[in-house]
Amino acid sequence: MPETPLAHLQTLPSWLLGRASALGHRLVADQFASEGVRLPHHAVLCGVAEHGPLAQADLARIVRIDPKDLVAVLNDLQSREFVTRTPDPKDRRKNTIALSPAGHELLARLRVLGDRANAALLAPLDPEERTRLVELLAKVVAAPRD
């Protein structure tokens, strides 16, 4: 009997990766909700922690968030005192974004929550399979495309 269209679809790597991605995002988002944080907040905090203090435009490029969308995320993080936004001393037209002490503490908590979510995502796999899956996914993501 020939394979049905749905059965074929459900064997495609792209479909499986999409389903796994959706599950992973949901698990992480559920964990981060306990801190009142969404995935873009986490990306911004990570970018600032690693590259900050830095210009808002540079941050948008690093975390790949549209500058207009970044403003809303930064407004939220700043209102909760996780980041500071100050005029750049070299160019007062630009803002410099830095992580506050509370932002560093939040990022540490988010790391634990993110690790917990990813452990739940990969729970069906043994440790070797988890390592191999991450290696293979990294290879797929890093491969040059035309």
C-alpha atoms as a PDB file:
ATOM      1  CA  MET A   1       0.000   0.000   0.000  1.00  0.00           C
ATOM      2  CA  PRO A   2       1.474   3.414  -0.930  1.00  0.00           C
ATOM      3  CA  GLU A   3       2.421   5.883   1.770  1.00  0.00           C
ATOM      4  CA  THR A   4      -0.301   8.448   2.422  1.00  0.00           C
ATOM      5  CA  PRO A   5       0.449  12.159   2.028  1.00  0.00           C
ATOM      6  CA  LEU A   6       0.092  12.780   5.771  1.00  0.00           C
ATOM      7  CA  ALA A   7       2.295   9.820   6.679  1.00  0.00           C
ATOM      8  CA  HIS A   8       4.922  11.109   4.248  1.00  0.00           C
ATOM      9  CA  LEU A   9       4.703  14.637   5.644  1.00  0.00           C
ATOM     10  CA  GLN A  10       5.182  13.367   9.178  1.00  0.00           C
ATOM     11  CA  THR A  11       8.475  11.687   8.229  1.00  0.00           C
ATOM     12  CA  LEU A  12      10.054  14.805   6.720  1.00  0.00           C
ATOM     13  CA  PRO A  13      12.934  16.268   8.755  1.00  0.00           C
ATOM     14  CA  SER A  14      11.546  19.777   8.223  1.00  0.00           C
ATOM     15  CA  TRP A  15       8.168  18.769   9.671  1.00  0.00           C
ATOM     16  CA  LEU A  16       9.748  16.939  12.617  1.00  0.00           C
ATOM     17  CA  LEU A  17      12.108  19.845  13.356  1.00  0.00           C
ATOM     18  CA  GLY A  18       9.176  22.242  13.243  1.00  0.00           C
ATOM     19  CA  ARG A  19       7.198  20.142  15.710  1.00  0.00           C
ATOM     20  CA  ALA A  20      10.212  19.741  18.014  1.00  0.00           C
ATOM     21  CA  SER A  21      10.885  23.476  17.774  1.00  0.00           C
ATOM     22  CA  ALA A  22       7.297  24.337  18.689  1.00  0.00           C
ATOM     23  CA  LEU A  23       7.460  21.967  21.659  1.00  0.00           C
ATOM     24  CA  GLY A  24      10.800  23.392  22.785  1.00  0.00           C
ATOM     25  CA  HIS A  25       9.538  26.969  22.525  1.00  0.00           C
ATOM     26  CA  ARG A  26       6.420  26.102  24.507  1.00  0.00           C
ATOM     27  CA  LEU A  27       8.400  24.377  27.258  1.00  0.00           C
ATOM     28  CA  VAL A  28      10.832  27.295  27.585  1.00  0.00           C
ATOM     29  CA  ALA A  29       8.055  29.890  27.404  1.00  0.00           C
ATOM     30  CA  ASP A  30       6.134  28.060  30.143  1.00  0.00           C
ATOM     31  CA  GLN A  31       9.214  28.081  32.392  1.00  0.00           C
ATOM     32  CA  PHE A  32       9.999  31.744  31.692  1.00  0.00           C
ATOM     33  CA  ALA A  33       6.399  32.751  32.410  1.00  0.00           C
ATOM     34  CA  SER A  34       7.089  32.189  36.118  1.00  0.00           C
ATOM     35  CA  GLU A  35       9.469  35.172  35.861  1.00  0.00           C
ATOM     36  CA  GLY A  36       7.148  37.212  33.648  1.00  0.00           C
ATOM     37  CA  VAL A  37       9.622  36.928  30.777  1.00  0.00           C
ATOM     38  CA  ARG A  38       9.138  36.006  27.136  1.00  0.00           C
ATOM     39  CA  LEU A  39      11.689  34.572  24.709  1.00  0.00           C
ATOM     40  CA  PRO A  40      12.626  37.961  23.182  1.00  0.00           C
ATOM     41  CA  HIS A  41      13.349  39.305  26.686  1.00  0.00           C
ATOM     42  CA  HIS A  42      15.746  36.414  27.217  1.00  0.00           C
ATOM     43  CA  ALA A  43      17.489  36.983  23.880  1.00  0.00           C
ATOM     44  CA  VAL A  44      17.989  40.673  24.705  1.00  0.00           C
ATOM     45  CA  LEU A  45      19.286  39.922  28.197  1.00  0.00           C
ATOM     46  CA  CYS A  46      21.745  37.380  26.766  1.00  0.00           C
ATOM     47  CA  GLY A  47      22.917  39.802  24.086  1.00  0.00           C
ATOM     48  CA  VAL A  48      23.458  42.615  26.561  1.00  0.00           C
ATOM     49  CA  ALA A  49      25.200  40.304  29.042  1.00  0.00           C
ATOM     50  CA  GLU A  50      27.618  39.101  26.389  1.00  0.00           C
ATOM     51  CA  HIS A  51      28.214  42.283  24.381  1.00  0.00           C
ATOM     52  CA  GLY A  52      27.105  45.180  26.573  1.00  0.00           C
ATOM     53  CA  PRO A  53      27.073  47.912  27.278  1.00  0.00           C
ATOM     54  CA  LEU A  54      26.215  48.541  23.642  1.00  0.00           C
ATOM     55  CA  ALA A  55      24.199  50.722  21.326  1.00  0.00           C
ATOM     56  CA  GLN A  56      20.558  49.837  20.851  1.00  0.00           C
ATOM     57  CA  ALA A  57      21.038  49.477  17.062  1.00  0.00           C
ATOM     58  CA  ASP A  58      23.951  47.073  17.594  1.00  0.00           C
ATOM     59  CA  LEU A  59      21.870  45.035  20.020  1.00  0.00           C
ATOM     60  CA  ALA A  60      19.066  44.729  17.454  1.00  0.00           C
ATOM     61  CA  ARG A  61      21.542  43.302  14.918  1.00  0.00           C
ATOM     62  CA  ILE A  62      23.139  40.920  17.412  1.00  0.00           C
ATOM     63  CA  VAL A  63      19.894  39.393  18.692  1.00  0.00           C
ATOM     64  CA  ARG A  64      18.165  39.658  15.296  1.00  0.00           C
ATOM     65  CA  ILE A  65      15.143  41.533  16.553  1.00  0.00           C
ATOM     66  CA  ASP A  66      13.620  44.295  14.455  1.00  0.00           C
ATOM     67  CA  PRO A  67      14.628  47.639  15.992  1.00  0.00           C
ATOM     68  CA  LYS A  68      10.967  48.689  16.345  1.00  0.00           C
ATOM     69  CA  ASP A  69      10.175  45.472  18.236  1.00  0.00           C
ATOM     70  CA  LEU A  70      13.313  45.833  20.328  1.00  0.00           C
ATOM     71  CA  VAL A  71      12.084  49.161  21.703  1.00  0.00           C
ATOM     72  CA  ALA A  72       9.066  47.477  23.314  1.00  0.00           C
ATOM     73  CA  VAL A  73      11.215  44.708  24.802  1.00  0.00           C
ATOM     74  CA  LEU A  74      13.705  47.240  26.169  1.00  0.00           C
ATOM     75  CA  ASN A  75      10.909  49.412  27.570  1.00  0.00           C
ATOM     76  CA  ASP A  76       9.580  46.398  29.457  1.00  0.00           C
ATOM     77  CA  LEU A  77      13.012  45.324  30.722  1.00  0.00           C
ATOM     78  CA  GLN A  78      13.906  48.868  31.731  1.00  0.00           C
ATOM     79  CA  SER A  79      10.592  49.402  33.565  1.00  0.00           C
ATOM     80  CA  ARG A  80      11.394  46.295  35.597  1.00  0.00           C
ATOM     81  CA  GLU A  81      14.960  47.561  36.169  1.00  0.00           C
ATOM     82  CA  PHE A  82      16.682  44.658  34.396  1.00  0.00           C
ATOM     83  CA  VAL A  83      18.500  46.936  31.939  1.00  0.00           C
ATOM     84  CA  THR A  84      19.581  50.542  31.884  1.00  0.00           C
ATOM     85  CA  ARG A  85      19.349  52.797  28.854  1.00  0.00           C
ATOM     86  CA  THR A  86      21.539  55.874  28.945  1.00  0.00           C
ATOM     87  CA  PRO A  87      22.666  58.354  26.302  1.00  0.00           C
ATOM     88  CA  ASP A  88      25.893  57.278  24.618  1.00  0.00           C
ATOM     89  CA  PRO A  89      28.624  59.703  25.744  1.00  0.00           C
ATOM     90  CA  LYS A  90      30.152  59.607  22.230  1.00  0.00           C
ATOM     91  CA  ASP A  91      26.857  60.262  20.436  1.00  0.00           C
ATOM     92  CA  ARG A  92      23.983  61.571  22.567  1.00  0.00           C
ATOM     93  CA  ARG A  93      21.509  60.622  19.803  1.00  0.00           C
ATOM     94  CA  LYS A  94      22.142  56.942  20.621  1.00  0.00           C
ATOM     95  CA  ASN A  95      21.264  54.947  23.705  1.00  0.00           C
ATOM     96  CA  THR A  96      23.651  52.553  25.421  1.00  0.00           C
ATOM     97  CA  ILE A  97      22.077  49.454  26.914  1.00  0.00           C
ATOM     98  CA  ALA A  98      23.587  47.731  29.954  1.00  0.00           C
ATOM     99  CA  LEU A  99      22.493  44.936  32.265  1.00  0.00           C
ATOM    100  CA  SER A 100      21.619  45.954  35.812  1.00  0.00           C
ATOM    101  CA  PRO A 101      22.439  43.820  38.857  1.00  0.00           C
ATOM    102  CA  ALA A 102      18.792  42.675  38.864  1.00  0.00           C
ATOM    103  CA  GLY A 103      19.189  41.775  35.180  1.00  0.00           C
ATOM    104  CA  HIS A 104      22.214  39.602  35.962  1.00  0.00           C
ATOM    105  CA  GLU A 105      20.216  37.834  38.684  1.00  0.00           C
ATOM    106  CA  LEU A 106      17.254  37.306  36.350  1.00  0.00           C
ATOM    107  CA  LEU A 107      19.509  35.923  33.631  1.00  0.00           C
ATOM    108  CA  ALA A 108      20.945  33.388  36.089  1.00  0.00           C
ATOM    109  CA  ARG A 109      17.417  32.257  37.019  1.00  0.00           C
ATOM    110  CA  LEU A 110      16.429  32.042  33.357  1.00  0.00           C
ATOM    111  CA  ARG A 111      19.423  29.839  32.645  1.00  0.00           C
ATOM    112  CA  VAL A 112      18.195  27.330  35.233  1.00  0.00           C
ATOM    113  CA  LEU A 113      14.640  27.497  33.872  1.00  0.00           C
ATOM    114  CA  GLY A 114      15.826  27.153  30.269  1.00  0.00           C
ATOM    115  CA  ASP A 115      17.990  24.176  31.172  1.00  0.00           C
ATOM    116  CA  ARG A 116      15.000  22.594  32.929  1.00  0.00           C
ATOM    117  CA  ALA A 117      12.813  23.085  29.840  1.00  0.00           C
ATOM    118  CA  ASN A 118      15.457  21.653  27.521  1.00  0.00           C
ATOM    119  CA  ALA A 119      15.944  18.656  29.794  1.00  0.00           C
ATOM    120  CA  ALA A 120      12.190  18.009  29.565  1.00  0.00           C
ATOM    121  CA  LEU A 121      12.335  18.366  25.782  1.00  0.00           C
ATOM    122  CA  LEU A 122      15.128  15.809  25.492  1.00  0.00           C
ATOM    123  CA  ALA A 123      13.920  13.502  28.285  1.00  0.00           C
ATOM    124  CA  PRO A 124      13.049  10.671  25.860  1.00  0.00           C
ATOM    125  CA  LEU A 125      16.708  10.475  24.781  1.00  0.00           C
ATOM    126  CA  ASP A 126      19.619   8.953  26.640  1.00  0.00           C
ATOM    127  CA  PRO A 127      22.654  11.191  27.340  1.00  0.00           C
ATOM    128  CA  GLU A 128      24.560  10.038  24.243  1.00  0.00           C
ATOM    129  CA  GLU A 129      21.534  10.638  22.033  1.00  0.00           C
ATOM    130  CA  ARG A 130      21.097  14.129  23.497  1.00  0.00           C
ATOM    131  CA  THR A 131      24.700  15.018  22.760  1.00  0.00           C
ATOM    132  CA  ARG A 132      24.495  13.602  19.248  1.00  0.00           C
ATOM    133  CA  LEU A 133      21.220  15.395  18.493  1.00  0.00           C
ATOM    134  CA  VAL A 134      22.679  18.743  19.531  1.00  0.00           C
ATOM    135  CA  GLU A 135      25.782  18.086  17.407  1.00  0.00           C
ATOM    136  CA  LEU A 136      23.672  17.182  14.371  1.00  0.00           C
ATOM    137  CA  LEU A 137      21.345  20.156  14.771  1.00  0.00           C
ATOM    138  CA  ALA A 138      24.336  22.502  15.104  1.00  0.00           C
ATOM    139  CA  LYS A 139      25.766  21.045  11.902  1.00  0.00           C
ATOM    140  CA  VAL A 140      22.488  21.559  10.028  1.00  0.00           C
ATOM    141  CA  VAL A 141      22.146  25.148  11.276  1.00  0.00           C
ATOM    142  CA  ALA A 142      25.783  26.066  10.511  1.00  0.00           C
ATOM    143  CA  ALA A 143      25.861  24.641   6.996  1.00  0.00           C
ATOM    144  CA  PRO A 144      26.229  27.243   4.244  1.00  0.00           C
ATOM    145  CA  ARG A 145      23.139  27.697   2.069  1.00  0.00           C
ATOM    146  CA  ASP A 146      22.808  28.999  -1.472  1.00  0.00           C
END
